[in-house]
Amino acid sequence: MSPVRRSAGPRGQRLARTVAMLGLAVCLLLAAPVGQCADNARQPAHGGQSGQSDQSGQTGQAGPHAAPPPILFDEDQPPYAYRPSPESQLPRGIYPELAAEALRRMGLRPSMEPAPWARAMAALDAGRAGVCGLYVTGQRLLRHDFSSPLFEEHLHLVIPASATVPAALATPTGAASDTFAALRGMRLGVVRGWSYGDALDAARVSGAFTAEEAGSEAQNMLKVAGGRLDGAIVSREGAAWLQERLGLTRLVTVAPRPLAVMPVHLAFRRQAGQRALLRAFDAAIREMRADGTHRRIVERSLNGQ
C-alpha cells in the first residue's frame, strides 16, 4: 500500500515560500520577463494544494480555462460597445463580438453585460467584474491586469462644419508638439467619467482646453452641430457612426489628424488572479487576426450587423 501523502505543515509552508522568493530573485537577476517571474513565485509548492490561500490571503493564479468573473462593456459607445435597445441585456458592437469569439475559442462563455461606464468601472475596481474596452493609464496599471490590445481607437477633434480645422490638425501627420497647442482656448465636449489617456487627461488638467462634460459622444456631437461647443473629442469610428445615424454629415467636420491613438484592452482587478486567462485571451486574438476573423468582425460591427 502506498504511504499517505501529508500536506506540508507550517514549517514546510514557510520553507516553500522562502524557496519561491529565492527563485523570484534569481529570475529577476537573469532578466526574465517580470510577469513570468511573478507567476513563478505564485506557484504552489510541491505537496501543497493549488488555489489555496497562503497566510497573506492571496489565492493561486486562475488557470486559462477557469470561469472568469462577468465582463462588462460600456452601454453607450457605438460602434465599439452599446446596448441595442433599452430592454436588451446583451451588448452589441466591436468589443463584445471580438471578446465573445476569443472566449469561445478558449472554451469559455462568461456573462457579458452592457452597463453605464461608471458602474462598470466601480465593479472592476471592486474586483466583481472585468471590463472590456479600457485604455491603459498610469493609475489603472497600479490596480489592474490588462490583455494585449484587441483594437485601437483614434481620438479626433470634431468641430462645426462652418469652423476652420486648426492647421496642426489639418493633415494626417505633423509635429507632436503642435497637437495639443491647437486646442488652446477651445471649449471641448468630453464624456463624463471617461479617461482619454494620460496625455490628453494631463492637457485637460493643465488648461490646454476647457472641458465640458456630457453623458455620451452622441450628446457632444449634437452640441457641436448646434454650435454650442467649439468642438468635441470623439473616436474616429464613433464620429462616423454618429454622423450617419444622427444626420450630422454636413453639420460637423472631423479633423484629419488624431489627437491620440489609444490601444483598447480587457482588464481585471489584479487580485482577481486572471493573468493566465488574459494570456490565453491574447493568444485567441492573435489567432483571430491571423485567420481574418478579427477583420470580419470589425467590418460587420461597423455596418451595424
Protein backbone atom coordinates (compact mmCIF):
# COMPACT_ATOMS: atom_id res chain seq x y z
CA MET A 1 0.00 0.00 0.00
CA SER A 2 1.31 3.45 -0.89
CA PRO A 3 2.12 5.68 2.04
CA VAL A 4 -0.34 8.51 2.77
CA ARG A 5 0.94 11.85 1.44
CA ARG A 6 0.58 14.57 4.04
CA SER A 7 0.22 18.30 3.35
CA ALA A 8 3.18 20.40 4.36
CA GLY A 9 2.95 21.76 7.91
CA PRO A 10 3.62 25.39 8.90
CA ARG A 11 7.39 24.85 8.83
CA GLY A 12 7.20 23.29 5.37
CA GLN A 13 5.00 26.12 4.12
CA ARG A 14 7.48 28.72 5.37
CA LEU A 15 10.30 26.84 3.64
CA ALA A 16 8.28 26.68 0.40
CA ARG A 17 7.66 30.42 0.47
CA THR A 18 11.36 31.09 1.10
CA VAL A 19 12.32 28.90 -1.87
CA ALA A 20 9.76 30.67 -4.05
CA MET A 21 11.09 34.11 -3.15
CA LEU A 22 14.69 32.97 -3.80
CA GLY A 23 13.51 31.72 -7.18
CA LEU A 24 11.94 35.11 -7.90
CA ALA A 25 15.20 36.88 -7.01
CA VAL A 26 17.21 34.59 -9.32
CA CYS A 27 14.64 35.08 -12.07
CA LEU A 28 14.95 38.86 -11.87
CA LEU A 29 18.75 38.72 -11.80
CA LEU A 30 18.64 36.68 -15.03
CA ALA A 31 16.42 39.40 -16.60
CA ALA A 32 13.46 37.13 -17.21
CA PRO A 33 10.12 38.83 -18.04
CA VAL A 34 8.53 40.39 -14.96
CA GLY A 35 5.19 38.64 -15.48
CA GLN A 36 6.91 35.26 -15.74
CA CYS A 37 8.89 35.87 -12.55
CA ALA A 38 5.76 36.89 -10.67
CA ASP A 39 3.84 33.88 -11.94
CA ASN A 40 6.66 31.51 -10.91
CA ALA A 41 6.70 32.99 -7.41
CA ARG A 42 2.96 32.35 -7.06
CA GLN A 43 3.13 28.62 -7.99
CA PRO A 44 2.15 26.31 -5.09
CA ALA A 45 4.94 24.27 -3.51
CA HIS A 46 5.26 20.53 -4.15
CA GLY A 47 2.83 18.73 -1.88
CA GLY A 48 0.62 21.83 -1.39
CA GLN A 49 -2.87 22.36 -2.79
CA SER A 50 -3.22 24.59 -5.86
CA GLY A 51 -5.59 27.52 -5.37
CA GLN A 52 -5.47 27.53 -1.56
CA SER A 53 -4.83 30.84 0.18
CA ASP A 54 -1.45 31.29 1.81
CA GLN A 55 -1.05 33.14 5.12
CA SER A 56 -1.15 36.53 3.32
CA GLY A 57 -4.63 35.75 1.95
CA GLN A 58 -3.55 35.61 -1.72
CA THR A 59 -5.05 32.87 -3.85
CA GLY A 60 -3.41 30.81 -6.56
CA GLN A 61 -3.49 32.09 -10.16
CA ALA A 62 -6.61 31.09 -12.10
CA GLY A 63 -5.99 28.71 -14.99
CA PRO A 64 -6.79 29.81 -18.57
CA HIS A 65 -10.00 27.78 -18.60
CA ALA A 66 -11.30 28.74 -15.15
CA ALA A 67 -14.65 30.53 -15.23
CA PRO A 68 -13.92 34.28 -15.17
CA PRO A 69 -15.99 36.97 -13.46
CA PRO A 70 -18.65 38.72 -15.57
CA ILE A 71 -17.30 41.01 -18.29
CA LEU A 72 -18.87 44.45 -18.64
CA PHE A 73 -18.98 46.79 -21.63
CA ASP A 74 -19.93 50.45 -21.99
CA GLU A 75 -23.64 50.58 -22.80
CA ASP A 76 -23.35 53.80 -24.85
CA GLN A 77 -20.23 53.81 -27.01
CA PRO A 78 -21.29 52.77 -30.51
CA PRO A 79 -19.98 51.18 -32.61
CA TYR A 80 -17.48 49.76 -30.12
CA ALA A 81 -19.95 48.65 -27.44
CA TYR A 82 -23.56 49.54 -26.75
CA ARG A 83 -26.95 48.37 -25.54
CA PRO A 84 -29.00 47.85 -28.73
CA SER A 85 -32.35 48.50 -27.00
CA PRO A 86 -33.42 49.63 -23.52
CA GLU A 87 -34.61 46.14 -22.58
CA SER A 88 -31.60 44.28 -24.00
CA GLN A 89 -29.28 42.56 -21.53
CA LEU A 90 -26.69 41.65 -24.18
CA PRO A 91 -24.10 44.09 -25.53
CA ARG A 92 -23.50 44.71 -29.23
CA GLY A 93 -20.53 46.19 -31.05
CA ILE A 94 -16.91 45.55 -31.94
CA TYR A 95 -15.64 44.74 -28.44
CA PRO A 96 -18.39 42.32 -27.36
CA GLU A 97 -18.15 40.49 -30.68
CA LEU A 98 -14.35 40.21 -30.54
CA ALA A 99 -14.38 39.16 -26.88
CA ALA A 100 -17.13 36.58 -27.38
CA GLU A 101 -15.27 34.91 -30.24
CA ALA A 102 -11.94 34.89 -28.39
CA LEU A 103 -13.53 33.43 -25.27
CA ARG A 104 -15.42 30.86 -27.34
CA ARG A 105 -12.10 29.64 -28.74
CA MET A 106 -10.87 29.34 -25.15
CA GLY A 107 -13.89 27.19 -24.26
CA LEU A 108 -15.46 29.91 -22.09
CA ARG A 109 -18.88 31.56 -22.09
CA PRO A 110 -18.79 34.13 -19.29
CA SER A 111 -21.62 36.55 -18.56
CA MET A 112 -21.22 39.61 -20.80
CA GLU A 113 -23.34 42.65 -19.97
CA PRO A 114 -23.74 46.29 -21.05
CA ALA A 115 -23.54 48.78 -18.19
CA PRO A 116 -23.18 52.50 -17.53
CA TRP A 117 -19.46 53.27 -17.63
CA ALA A 118 -19.29 54.48 -14.03
CA ARG A 119 -20.93 51.27 -12.81
CA ALA A 120 -18.61 49.13 -14.94
CA MET A 121 -15.53 50.87 -13.54
CA ALA A 122 -16.80 50.54 -9.96
CA ALA A 123 -17.30 46.79 -10.49
CA LEU A 124 -13.78 46.49 -11.95
CA ASP A 125 -12.21 48.41 -9.05
CA ALA A 126 -14.06 46.19 -6.57
CA GLY A 127 -12.97 43.00 -8.36
CA ARG A 128 -16.56 41.98 -9.12
CA ALA A 129 -16.16 42.06 -12.93
CA GLY A 130 -13.78 42.55 -15.81
CA VAL A 131 -14.16 45.43 -18.25
CA CYS A 132 -13.53 45.25 -21.99
CA GLY A 133 -12.83 48.49 -23.85
CA LEU A 134 -10.39 50.05 -21.38
CA TYR A 135 -7.37 52.30 -22.03
CA VAL A 136 -4.19 51.80 -20.02
CA THR A 137 -3.28 54.71 -17.75
CA GLY A 138 -0.64 55.01 -15.07
CA GLN A 139 -3.24 54.88 -12.28
CA ARG A 140 -5.02 51.87 -13.75
CA LEU A 141 -1.76 49.95 -14.08
CA LEU A 142 -1.37 50.14 -10.32
CA ARG A 143 -4.60 48.18 -9.75
CA HIS A 144 -5.44 46.11 -12.82
CA ASP A 145 -4.05 43.46 -15.15
CA PHE A 146 -4.53 44.08 -18.88
CA SER A 147 -4.70 41.99 -22.02
CA SER A 148 -2.70 42.92 -25.09
CA PRO A 149 -4.58 45.40 -27.33
CA LEU A 150 -7.60 43.99 -29.13
CA PHE A 151 -8.28 47.25 -31.03
CA GLU A 152 -7.10 50.85 -31.35
CA GLU A 153 -9.24 53.96 -31.01
CA HIS A 154 -8.16 57.10 -32.87
CA LEU A 155 -9.34 60.17 -30.96
CA HIS A 156 -10.13 63.18 -33.16
CA LEU A 157 -11.27 66.76 -32.83
CA VAL A 158 -14.79 67.23 -34.20
CA ILE A 159 -15.79 70.83 -34.97
CA PRO A 160 -18.77 72.62 -36.59
CA ALA A 161 -18.69 72.40 -40.37
CA SER A 162 -18.55 76.20 -40.54
CA ALA A 163 -15.32 76.33 -38.49
CA THR A 164 -11.76 76.02 -39.78
CA VAL A 165 -9.71 72.99 -38.81
CA PRO A 166 -6.59 74.11 -36.87
CA ALA A 167 -3.54 73.97 -39.14
CA ALA A 168 -1.74 71.50 -36.85
CA LEU A 169 -4.62 69.02 -37.25
CA ALA A 170 -5.42 69.64 -40.93
CA THR A 171 -3.17 66.84 -42.22
CA PRO A 172 -2.91 63.23 -41.00
CA THR A 173 0.65 63.74 -39.73
CA GLY A 174 2.57 66.58 -38.10
CA ALA A 175 4.71 67.65 -35.17
CA ALA A 176 3.53 66.06 -31.93
CA SER A 177 4.25 69.27 -30.01
CA ASP A 178 1.66 71.14 -32.08
CA THR A 179 -1.24 68.77 -31.40
CA PHE A 180 -2.47 69.98 -28.01
CA ALA A 181 -1.39 73.56 -28.68
CA ALA A 182 -4.04 73.61 -31.41
CA LEU A 183 -6.72 73.08 -28.74
CA ARG A 184 -5.77 76.07 -26.61
CA GLY A 185 -8.71 78.31 -25.81
CA MET A 186 -11.28 75.84 -27.14
CA ARG A 187 -14.31 74.60 -25.20
CA LEU A 188 -14.49 70.89 -25.97
CA GLY A 189 -17.05 68.22 -25.18
CA VAL A 190 -15.88 65.11 -23.34
CA VAL A 191 -17.81 62.19 -21.86
CA ARG A 192 -18.32 62.26 -18.10
CA GLY A 193 -16.16 59.69 -16.31
CA TRP A 194 -14.01 58.79 -19.33
CA SER A 195 -10.24 58.90 -19.44
CA TYR A 196 -8.82 59.95 -22.79
CA GLY A 197 -5.37 58.61 -21.96
CA ASP A 198 -2.67 60.12 -19.77
CA ALA A 199 -1.55 62.75 -22.30
CA LEU A 200 -4.98 64.22 -23.08
CA ASP A 201 -6.07 63.97 -19.44
CA ALA A 202 -2.95 65.94 -18.44
CA ALA A 203 -3.62 68.54 -21.15
CA ARG A 204 -7.12 68.99 -19.78
CA VAL A 205 -5.87 69.43 -16.20
CA SER A 206 -3.21 71.91 -17.34
CA GLY A 207 -5.82 74.09 -19.02
CA ALA A 208 -4.79 73.41 -22.61
CA PHE A 209 -8.53 73.38 -23.32
CA THR A 210 -11.75 73.78 -21.36
CA ALA A 211 -13.69 70.54 -20.98
CA GLU A 212 -17.48 70.44 -20.88
CA GLU A 213 -18.87 67.06 -19.81
CA ALA A 214 -21.85 65.23 -21.27
CA GLY A 215 -23.31 61.75 -20.94
CA SER A 216 -22.23 60.41 -24.34
CA GLU A 217 -20.39 61.11 -27.57
CA ALA A 218 -23.77 61.50 -29.28
CA GLN A 219 -24.70 64.37 -26.96
CA ASN A 220 -21.38 66.08 -27.64
CA MET A 221 -21.74 65.66 -31.41
CA LEU A 222 -25.20 67.24 -31.30
CA LYS A 223 -23.84 70.16 -29.25
CA VAL A 224 -21.06 70.70 -31.79
CA ALA A 225 -23.53 70.56 -34.68
CA GLY A 226 -25.71 73.11 -32.90
CA GLY A 227 -22.81 75.50 -32.32
CA ARG A 228 -22.92 75.10 -28.53
CA LEU A 229 -19.34 73.84 -28.35
CA ASP A 230 -16.14 74.75 -30.19
CA GLY A 231 -15.59 71.04 -30.69
CA ALA A 232 -15.55 67.62 -29.07
CA ILE A 233 -13.05 64.80 -28.65
CA VAL A 234 -14.60 61.79 -30.38
CA SER A 235 -13.26 58.47 -31.61
CA ARG A 236 -12.91 58.03 -35.38
CA GLU A 237 -15.38 55.17 -35.77
CA GLY A 238 -17.72 56.73 -33.24
CA ALA A 239 -17.78 60.01 -35.16
CA ALA A 240 -18.51 58.26 -38.47
CA TRP A 241 -21.25 56.12 -36.89
CA LEU A 242 -22.95 59.11 -35.25
CA GLN A 243 -22.61 61.39 -38.27
CA GLU A 244 -24.56 58.90 -40.36
CA ARG A 245 -27.20 57.91 -37.80
CA LEU A 246 -27.83 61.40 -36.41
CA GLY A 247 -27.83 63.12 -39.78
CA LEU A 248 -24.76 65.22 -38.97
CA THR A 249 -22.61 64.52 -42.03
CA ARG A 250 -22.92 68.10 -43.33
CA LEU A 251 -23.01 69.74 -39.93
CA VAL A 252 -19.70 68.66 -38.39
CA THR A 253 -16.12 68.13 -39.57
CA VAL A 254 -13.63 65.58 -38.24
CA ALA A 255 -10.06 66.90 -38.16
CA PRO A 256 -7.81 64.57 -40.20
CA ARG A 257 -5.06 64.25 -37.63
CA PRO A 258 -5.82 62.23 -34.48
CA LEU A 259 -5.15 63.79 -31.10
CA ALA A 260 -4.20 60.37 -29.73
CA VAL A 261 -4.21 56.70 -30.72
CA MET A 262 -5.32 54.58 -27.79
CA PRO A 263 -5.00 50.78 -27.62
CA VAL A 264 -8.02 49.08 -26.05
CA HIS A 265 -7.84 46.17 -23.60
CA LEU A 266 -9.69 43.65 -21.47
CA ALA A 267 -8.84 44.19 -17.81
CA PHE A 268 -9.42 42.57 -14.42
CA ARG A 269 -8.62 43.73 -10.92
CA ARG A 270 -5.17 42.30 -10.12
CA GLN A 271 -6.43 40.48 -7.01
CA ALA A 272 -8.92 38.58 -9.22
CA GLY A 273 -6.00 36.44 -10.41
CA GLN A 274 -6.89 36.37 -14.12
CA ARG A 275 -3.44 36.76 -15.70
CA ALA A 276 -3.49 33.24 -17.14
CA LEU A 277 -6.88 33.92 -18.70
CA LEU A 278 -5.59 37.20 -20.19
CA ARG A 279 -2.62 35.43 -21.77
CA ALA A 280 -4.96 32.85 -23.32
CA PHE A 281 -7.22 35.70 -24.49
CA ASP A 282 -4.20 37.36 -26.15
CA ALA A 283 -3.41 34.13 -27.97
CA ALA A 284 -7.00 33.83 -29.22
CA ILE A 285 -6.97 37.45 -30.51
CA ARG A 286 -3.68 36.77 -32.34
CA GLU A 287 -5.22 33.72 -33.93
CA MET A 288 -8.27 35.74 -34.97
CA ARG A 289 -6.07 38.38 -36.59
CA ALA A 290 -4.13 35.70 -38.46
CA ASP A 291 -7.17 33.88 -39.86
CA GLY A 292 -9.11 37.06 -40.77
CA THR A 293 -11.86 36.66 -38.17
CA HIS A 294 -10.84 39.87 -36.38
CA ARG A 295 -11.18 41.95 -39.56
CA ARG A 296 -14.52 40.38 -40.47
CA ILE A 297 -15.99 41.04 -37.01
CA VAL A 298 -14.88 44.69 -37.09
CA GLU A 299 -16.33 45.22 -40.56
CA ARG A 300 -19.61 43.53 -39.63
CA SER A 301 -19.91 45.59 -36.44
CA LEU A 302 -19.20 48.85 -38.25
CA ASN A 303 -22.04 48.03 -40.62
CA GLY A 304 -24.36 47.54 -37.63
CA GLN A 305 -24.89 43.85 -38.35
